[in-house]
PDB file of N, CA and C in Angstrom:
ATOM      1  N   MET A   1       0.858  42.836 -13.815  1.00  0.00           N
ATOM      2  CA  MET A   1       1.930  41.850 -13.859  1.00  0.00           C
ATOM      3  C   MET A   1       2.022  41.142 -12.510  1.00  0.00           C
ATOM      4  N   PRO A   2       2.078  39.830 -12.535  1.00  0.00           N
ATOM      5  CA  PRO A   2       2.142  39.064 -11.265  1.00  0.00           C
ATOM      6  C   PRO A   2       3.447  39.355 -10.541  1.00  0.00           C
ATOM      7  N   SER A   3       3.369  39.305  -9.229  1.00  0.00           N
ATOM      8  CA  SER A   3       4.580  39.484  -8.402  1.00  0.00           C
ATOM      9  C   SER A   3       5.485  38.276  -8.519  1.00  0.00           C
ATOM     10  N   ALA A   4       6.691  38.406  -8.016  1.00  0.00           N
ATOM     11  CA  ALA A   4       7.648  37.297  -8.076  1.00  0.00           C
ATOM     12  C   ALA A   4       7.114  36.095  -7.337  1.00  0.00           C
ATOM     13  N   ILE A   5       6.549  36.286  -6.147  1.00  0.00           N
ATOM     14  CA  ILE A   5       6.046  35.145  -5.393  1.00  0.00           C
ATOM     15  C   ILE A   5       4.899  34.484  -6.106  1.00  0.00           C
ATOM     16  N   GLU A   6       4.050  35.251  -6.777  1.00  0.00           N
ATOM     17  CA  GLU A   6       2.932  34.660  -7.562  1.00  0.00           C
ATOM     18  C   GLU A   6       3.482  33.804  -8.683  1.00  0.00           C
ATOM     19  N   GLN A   7       4.523  34.259  -9.346  1.00  0.00           N
ATOM     20  CA  GLN A   7       5.106  33.487 -10.425  1.00  0.00           C
ATOM     21  C   GLN A   7       5.774  32.227  -9.925  1.00  0.00           C
ATOM     22  N   ILE A   8       6.442  32.313  -8.778  1.00  0.00           N
ATOM     23  CA  ILE A   8       7.068  31.130  -8.164  1.00  0.00           C
ATOM     24  C   ILE A   8       6.010  30.115  -7.771  1.00  0.00           C
ATOM     25  N   VAL A   9       4.966  30.578  -7.124  1.00  0.00           N
ATOM     26  CA  VAL A   9       3.887  29.683  -6.660  1.00  0.00           C
ATOM     27  C   VAL A   9       3.191  29.035  -7.890  1.00  0.00           C
ATOM     28  N   ASP A  10       2.907  29.832  -8.890  1.00  0.00           N
ATOM     29  CA  ASP A  10       2.288  29.299 -10.112  1.00  0.00           C
ATOM     30  C   ASP A  10       3.161  28.199 -10.763  1.00  0.00           C
ATOM     31  N   THR A  11       4.460  28.401 -10.759  1.00  0.00           N
ATOM     32  CA  THR A  11       5.379  27.406 -11.314  1.00  0.00           C
ATOM     33  C   THR A  11       5.361  26.137 -10.480  1.00  0.00           C
ATOM     34  N   TYR A  12       5.418  26.264  -9.158  1.00  0.00           N
ATOM     35  CA  TYR A  12       5.342  25.100  -8.286  1.00  0.00           C
ATOM     36  C   TYR A  12       4.054  24.337  -8.469  1.00  0.00           C
ATOM     37  N   VAL A  13       2.948  25.056  -8.623  1.00  0.00           N
ATOM     38  CA  VAL A  13       1.658  24.414  -8.817  1.00  0.00           C
ATOM     39  C   VAL A  13       1.642  23.682 -10.180  1.00  0.00           C
ATOM     40  N   ARG A  14       2.136  24.339 -11.200  1.00  0.00           N
ATOM     41  CA  ARG A  14       2.160  23.739 -12.503  1.00  0.00           C
ATOM     42  C   ARG A  14       3.008  22.480 -12.532  1.00  0.00           C
ATOM     43  N   LEU A  15       4.127  22.475 -11.775  1.00  0.00           N
ATOM     44  CA  LEU A  15       5.018  21.322 -11.682  1.00  0.00           C
ATOM     45  C   LEU A  15       4.587  20.318 -10.598  1.00  0.00           C
ATOM     46  N   LYS A  16       3.492  20.650  -9.908  1.00  0.00           N
ATOM     47  CA  LYS A  16       2.967  19.818  -8.831  1.00  0.00           C
ATOM     48  C   LYS A  16       4.028  19.564  -7.754  1.00  0.00           C
ATOM     49  N   ASN A  17       4.715  20.652  -7.398  1.00  0.00           N
ATOM     50  CA  ASN A  17       5.804  20.574  -6.409  1.00  0.00           C
ATOM     51  C   ASN A  17       5.306  21.006  -5.053  1.00  0.00           C
ATOM     52  N   ARG A  18       4.658  20.120  -4.366  1.00  0.00           N
ATOM     53  CA  ARG A  18       4.111  20.376  -3.017  1.00  0.00           C
ATOM     54  C   ARG A  18       5.244  20.701  -2.031  1.00  0.00           C
ATOM     55  N   ARG A  19       6.305  19.962  -2.140  1.00  0.00           N
ATOM     56  CA  ARG A  19       7.445  20.167  -1.226  1.00  0.00           C
ATOM     57  C   ARG A  19       7.980  21.608  -1.335  1.00  0.00           C
ATOM     58  N   GLY A  20       8.104  22.095  -2.554  1.00  0.00           N
ATOM     59  CA  GLY A  20       8.576  23.466  -2.769  1.00  0.00           C
ATOM     60  C   GLY A  20       7.660  24.496  -2.121  1.00  0.00           C
ATOM     61  N   LEU A  21       6.362  24.279  -2.297  1.00  0.00           N
ATOM     62  CA  LEU A  21       5.384  25.208  -1.687  1.00  0.00           C
ATOM     63  C   LEU A  21       5.417  25.118  -0.159  1.00  0.00           C
ATOM     64  N   ASP A  22       5.583  23.917   0.373  1.00  0.00           N
ATOM     65  CA  ASP A  22       5.673  23.756   1.846  1.00  0.00           C
ATOM     66  C   ASP A  22       6.926  24.440   2.357  1.00  0.00           C
ATOM     67  N   GLU A  23       8.035  24.346   1.638  1.00  0.00           N
ATOM     68  CA  GLU A  23       9.267  25.006   2.082  1.00  0.00           C
ATOM     69  C   GLU A  23       9.142  26.520   2.010  1.00  0.00           C
ATOM     70  N   LEU A  24       8.497  27.020   0.952  1.00  0.00           N
ATOM     71  CA  LEU A  24       8.240  28.460   0.886  1.00  0.00           C
ATOM     72  C   LEU A  24       7.420  28.939   2.074  1.00  0.00           C
ATOM     73  N   MET A  25       6.388  28.176   2.407  1.00  0.00           N
ATOM     74  CA  MET A  25       5.509  28.509   3.523  1.00  0.00           C
ATOM     75  C   MET A  25       6.272  28.499   4.841  1.00  0.00           C
ATOM     76  N   MET A  26       7.060  27.473   5.082  1.00  0.00           N
ATOM     77  CA  MET A  26       7.799  27.396   6.336  1.00  0.00           C
ATOM     78  C   MET A  26       8.796  28.535   6.472  1.00  0.00           C
ATOM     79  N   HIS A  27       9.437  28.872   5.369  1.00  0.00           N
ATOM     80  CA  HIS A  27      10.419  29.978   5.410  1.00  0.00           C
ATOM     81  C   HIS A  27       9.719  31.280   5.777  1.00  0.00           C
ATOM     82  N   ARG A  28       8.575  31.556   5.128  1.00  0.00           N
ATOM     83  CA  ARG A  28       7.848  32.801   5.425  1.00  0.00           C
ATOM     84  C   ARG A  28       7.353  32.803   6.873  1.00  0.00           C
ATOM     85  N   GLN A  29       6.914  31.682   7.352  1.00  0.00           N
ATOM     86  CA  GLN A  29       6.435  31.614   8.736  1.00  0.00           C
ATOM     87  C   GLN A  29       7.573  31.861   9.729  1.00  0.00           C
ATOM     88  N   ARG A  30       8.741  31.319   9.438  1.00  0.00           N
ATOM     89  CA  ARG A  30       9.906  31.565  10.313  1.00  0.00           C
ATOM     90  C   ARG A  30      10.311  33.039  10.283  1.00  0.00           C
ATOM     91  N   LEU A  31      10.257  33.652   9.109  1.00  0.00           N
ATOM     92  CA  LEU A  31      10.559  35.099   9.033  1.00  0.00           C
ATOM     93  C   LEU A  31       9.580  35.902   9.873  1.00  0.00           C
ATOM     94  N   THR A  32       8.311  35.587   9.782  1.00  0.00           N
ATOM     95  CA  THR A  32       7.286  36.302  10.557  1.00  0.00           C
ATOM     96  C   THR A  32       7.562  36.195  12.028  1.00  0.00           C
ATOM     97  N   VAL A  33       7.817  34.971  12.493  1.00  0.00           N
ATOM     98  CA  VAL A  33       8.086  34.777  13.930  1.00  0.00           C
ATOM     99  C   VAL A  33       9.318  35.558  14.359  1.00  0.00           C
ATOM    100  N   ASP A  34      10.361  35.523  13.528  1.00  0.00           N
ATOM    101  CA  ASP A  34      11.588  36.232  13.842  1.00  0.00           C
ATOM    102  C   ASP A  34      11.356  37.753  13.908  1.00  0.00           C
ATOM    103  N   LEU A  35      10.663  38.312  12.961  1.00  0.00           N
ATOM    104  CA  LEU A  35      10.415  39.733  12.928  1.00  0.00           C
ATOM    105  C   LEU A  35       9.521  40.182  14.110  1.00  0.00           C
ATOM    106  N   LYS A  36       8.541  39.333  14.442  1.00  0.00           N
ATOM    107  CA  LYS A  36       7.641  39.687  15.576  1.00  0.00           C
ATOM    108  C   LYS A  36       8.355  39.662  16.898  1.00  0.00           C
ATOM    109  N   SER A  37       9.459  38.876  17.005  1.00  0.00           N
ATOM    110  CA  SER A  37      10.170  38.794  18.258  1.00  0.00           C
ATOM    111  C   SER A  37      11.172  39.929  18.450  1.00  0.00           C
ATOM    112  N   ARG A  38      11.419  40.712  17.415  1.00  0.00           N
ATOM    113  CA  ARG A  38      12.390  41.824  17.499  1.00  0.00           C
ATOM    114  C   ARG A  38      11.722  43.062  18.009  1.00  0.00           C
ATOM    115  N   SER A  39      12.524  43.933  18.573  1.00  0.00           N
ATOM    116  CA  SER A  39      12.048  45.226  19.044  1.00  0.00           C
ATOM    117  C   SER A  39      13.018  46.328  18.596  1.00  0.00           C
ATOM    118  N   GLY A  40      12.594  47.559  18.755  1.00  0.00           N
ATOM    119  CA  GLY A  40      13.427  48.673  18.404  1.00  0.00           C
ATOM    120  C   GLY A  40      13.170  49.243  17.035  1.00  0.00           C
ATOM    121  N   TYR A  41      12.323  48.633  16.283  1.00  0.00           N
ATOM    122  CA  TYR A  41      11.975  49.088  14.923  1.00  0.00           C
ATOM    123  C   TYR A  41      10.587  48.601  14.617  1.00  0.00           C
ATOM    124  N   ASP A  42       9.889  49.375  13.800  1.00  0.00           N
ATOM    125  CA  ASP A  42       8.529  48.989  13.385  1.00  0.00           C
ATOM    126  C   ASP A  42       8.586  48.043  12.197  1.00  0.00           C
ATOM    127  N   PHE A  43       8.373  46.763  12.425  1.00  0.00           N
ATOM    128  CA  PHE A  43       8.430  45.741  11.397  1.00  0.00           C
ATOM    129  C   PHE A  43       7.067  45.472  10.788  1.00  0.00           C
ATOM    130  N   SER A  44       6.089  46.316  11.017  1.00  0.00           N
ATOM    131  CA  SER A  44       4.728  46.003  10.537  1.00  0.00           C
ATOM    132  C   SER A  44       4.649  45.927   8.991  1.00  0.00           C
ATOM    133  N   LEU A  45       5.399  46.745   8.310  1.00  0.00           N
ATOM    134  CA  LEU A  45       5.374  46.704   6.815  1.00  0.00           C
ATOM    135  C   LEU A  45       5.899  45.369   6.289  1.00  0.00           C
ATOM    136  N   PRO A  46       7.117  44.949   6.684  1.00  0.00           N
ATOM    137  CA  PRO A  46       7.589  43.669   6.165  1.00  0.00           C
ATOM    138  C   PRO A  46       6.747  42.482   6.618  1.00  0.00           C
ATOM    139  N   ILE A  47       6.240  42.581   7.859  1.00  0.00           N
ATOM    140  CA  ILE A  47       5.346  41.479   8.360  1.00  0.00           C
ATOM    141  C   ILE A  47       4.082  41.421   7.491  1.00  0.00           C
ATOM    142  N   GLY A  48       3.527  42.589   7.139  1.00  0.00           N
ATOM    143  CA  GLY A  48       2.351  42.597   6.286  1.00  0.00           C
ATOM    144  C   GLY A  48       2.650  42.041   4.888  1.00  0.00           C
ATOM    145  N   GLN A  49       3.810  42.335   4.347  1.00  0.00           N
ATOM    146  CA  GLN A  49       4.182  41.794   3.043  1.00  0.00           C
ATOM    147  C   GLN A  49       4.340  40.283   3.093  1.00  0.00           C
ATOM    148  N   ILE A  50       4.954  39.812   4.174  1.00  0.00           N
ATOM    149  CA  ILE A  50       5.132  38.353   4.324  1.00  0.00           C
ATOM    150  C   ILE A  50       3.792  37.693   4.499  1.00  0.00           C
ATOM    151  N   ASP A  51       2.872  38.311   5.242  1.00  0.00           N
ATOM    152  CA  ASP A  51       1.521  37.774   5.401  1.00  0.00           C
ATOM    153  C   ASP A  51       0.816  37.662   4.045  1.00  0.00           C
ATOM    154  N   GLU A  52       1.007  38.669   3.186  1.00  0.00           N
ATOM    155  CA  GLU A  52       0.406  38.574   1.833  1.00  0.00           C
ATOM    156  C   GLU A  52       1.018  37.414   1.055  1.00  0.00           C
ATOM    157  N   GLU A  53       2.321  37.226   1.172  1.00  0.00           N
ATOM    158  CA  GLU A  53       2.995  36.105   0.489  1.00  0.00           C
ATOM    159  C   GLU A  53       2.473  34.765   1.005  1.00  0.00           C
ATOM    160  N   ILE A  54       2.262  34.699   2.313  1.00  0.00           N
ATOM    161  CA  ILE A  54       1.709  33.453   2.885  1.00  0.00           C
ATOM    162  C   ILE A  54       0.350  33.158   2.330  1.00  0.00           C
ATOM    163  N   ALA A  55      -0.478  34.190   2.179  1.00  0.00           N
ATOM    164  CA  ALA A  55      -1.821  33.990   1.590  1.00  0.00           C
ATOM    165  C   ALA A  55      -1.722  33.490   0.164  1.00  0.00           C
ATOM    166  N   ILE A  56      -0.753  33.981  -0.602  1.00  0.00           N
ATOM    167  CA  ILE A  56      -0.563  33.546  -1.965  1.00  0.00           C
ATOM    168  C   ILE A  56      -0.122  32.079  -2.016  1.00  0.00           C
ATOM    169  N   ILE A  57       0.779  31.724  -1.112  1.00  0.00           N
ATOM    170  CA  ILE A  57       1.251  30.335  -1.019  1.00  0.00           C
ATOM    171  C   ILE A  57       0.117  29.396  -0.601  1.00  0.00           C
ATOM    172  N   GLU A  58      -0.713  29.834   0.324  1.00  0.00           N
ATOM    173  CA  GLU A  58      -1.867  29.026   0.765  1.00  0.00           C
ATOM    174  C   GLU A  58      -2.827  28.811  -0.397  1.00  0.00           C
ATOM    175  N   ALA A  59      -3.043  29.844  -1.211  1.00  0.00           N
ATOM    176  CA  ALA A  59      -3.898  29.713  -2.384  1.00  0.00           C
ATOM    177  C   ALA A  59      -3.309  28.699  -3.358  1.00  0.00           C
ATOM    178  N   GLY A  60      -1.998  28.731  -3.526  1.00  0.00           N
ATOM    179  CA  GLY A  60      -1.325  27.760  -4.408  1.00  0.00           C
ATOM    180  C   GLY A  60      -1.470  26.362  -3.887  1.00  0.00           C
ATOM    181  N   LEU A  61      -1.337  26.181  -2.564  1.00  0.00           N
ATOM    182  CA  LEU A  61      -1.500  24.851  -1.969  1.00  0.00           C
ATOM    183  C   LEU A  61      -2.938  24.367  -2.194  1.00  0.00           C
ATOM    184  N   SER A  62      -3.916  25.266  -2.074  1.00  0.00           N
ATOM    185  CA  SER A  62      -5.312  24.877  -2.305  1.00  0.00           C
ATOM    186  C   SER A  62      -5.534  24.497  -3.740  1.00  0.00           C
ATOM    187  N   ARG A  63      -4.936  25.233  -4.674  1.00  0.00           N
ATOM    188  CA  ARG A  63      -5.057  24.891  -6.105  1.00  0.00           C
ATOM    189  C   ARG A  63      -4.446  23.528  -6.385  1.00  0.00           C
ATOM    190  N   LEU A  64      -3.296  23.270  -5.786  1.00  0.00           N
ATOM    191  CA  LEU A  64      -2.620  21.993  -6.007  1.00  0.00           C
ATOM    192  C   LEU A  64      -3.465  20.861  -5.421  1.00  0.00           C
ATOM    193  N   LYS A  65      -4.062  21.070  -4.258  1.00  0.00           N
ATOM    194  CA  LYS A  65      -4.921  20.074  -3.663  1.00  0.00           C
ATOM    195  C   LYS A  65      -6.154  19.823  -4.527  1.00  0.00           C
ATOM    196  N   ALA A  66      -6.751  20.884  -5.046  1.00  0.00           N
ATOM    197  CA  ALA A  66      -7.930  20.746  -5.906  1.00  0.00           C
ATOM    198  C   ALA A  66      -7.594  19.978  -7.192  1.00  0.00           C
ATOM    199  N   GLU A  67      -6.459  20.280  -7.750  1.00  0.00           N
ATOM    200  CA  GLU A  67      -6.032  19.574  -8.980  1.00  0.00           C
ATOM    201  C   GLU A  67      -5.764  18.116  -8.697  1.00  0.00           C
ATOM    202  N   SER A  68      -5.168  17.825  -7.548  1.00  0.00           N
ATOM    203  CA  SER A  68      -4.895  16.444  -7.180  1.00  0.00           C
ATOM    204  C   SER A  68      -6.199  15.678  -6.976  1.00  0.00           C
ATOM    205  N   ALA A  69      -7.179  16.333  -6.312  1.00  0.00           N
ATOM    206  CA  ALA A  69      -8.482  15.688  -6.077  1.00  0.00           C
ATOM    207  C   ALA A  69      -9.183  15.474  -7.400  1.00  0.00           C
ATOM    208  N   GLY A  70      -9.052  16.406  -8.322  1.00  0.00           N
ATOM    209  CA  GLY A  70      -9.690  16.295  -9.619  1.00  0.00           C
ATOM    210  C   GLY A  70      -9.112  15.153 -10.436  1.00  0.00           C
ATOM    211  N   LEU A  71      -7.852  14.817 -10.177  1.00  0.00           N
ATOM    212  CA  LEU A  71      -7.191  13.716 -10.908  1.00  0.00           C
ATOM    213  C   LEU A  71      -7.367  12.387 -10.206  1.00  0.00           C
ATOM    214  N   GLY A  72      -8.022  12.416  -9.032  1.00  0.00           N
ATOM    215  CA  GLY A  72      -8.276  11.202  -8.311  1.00  0.00           C
ATOM    216  C   GLY A  72      -7.058  10.695  -7.553  1.00  0.00           C
ATOM    217  N   LEU A  73      -6.094  11.563  -7.301  1.00  0.00           N
ATOM    218  CA  LEU A  73      -4.911  11.176  -6.549  1.00  0.00           C
ATOM    219  C   LEU A  73      -5.236  11.184  -5.068  1.00  0.00           C
ATOM    220  N   SER A  74      -4.899  10.137  -4.359  1.00  0.00           N
ATOM    221  CA  SER A  74      -5.203  10.072  -2.967  1.00  0.00           C
ATOM    222  C   SER A  74      -4.000  10.412  -2.094  1.00  0.00           C
ATOM    223  N   SER A  75      -2.785  10.247  -2.643  1.00  0.00           N
ATOM    224  CA  SER A  75      -1.622  10.533  -1.838  1.00  0.00           C
ATOM    225  C   SER A  75      -1.160  11.958  -2.075  1.00  0.00           C
ATOM    226  N   PRO A  76      -0.483  12.578  -1.061  1.00  0.00           N
ATOM    227  CA  PRO A  76       0.005  13.945  -1.245  1.00  0.00           C
ATOM    228  C   PRO A  76       1.053  14.022  -2.327  1.00  0.00           C
ATOM    229  N   VAL A  77       1.058  15.136  -3.019  1.00  0.00           N
ATOM    230  CA  VAL A  77       1.999  15.315  -4.128  1.00  0.00           C
ATOM    231  C   VAL A  77       3.210  15.987  -3.635  1.00  0.00           C
TER     232      VAL A  77
END
């Protein structure tokens, strides 16, 4: 069964919502920076999970780009 982030990314790709994917990516990146700047606790597990989510979002962005190229769209979606 796909994870929640995989389902969200798949929906955004299906709807061709590049902005939604970009916002998801920026949020995850901000979380990573914030967690890496903290001390006093081992944040390696949540940082690893966020890194996995970032990889899923990047794959979705690549799929969206490939679909746009296949349709002959030159402008970002």
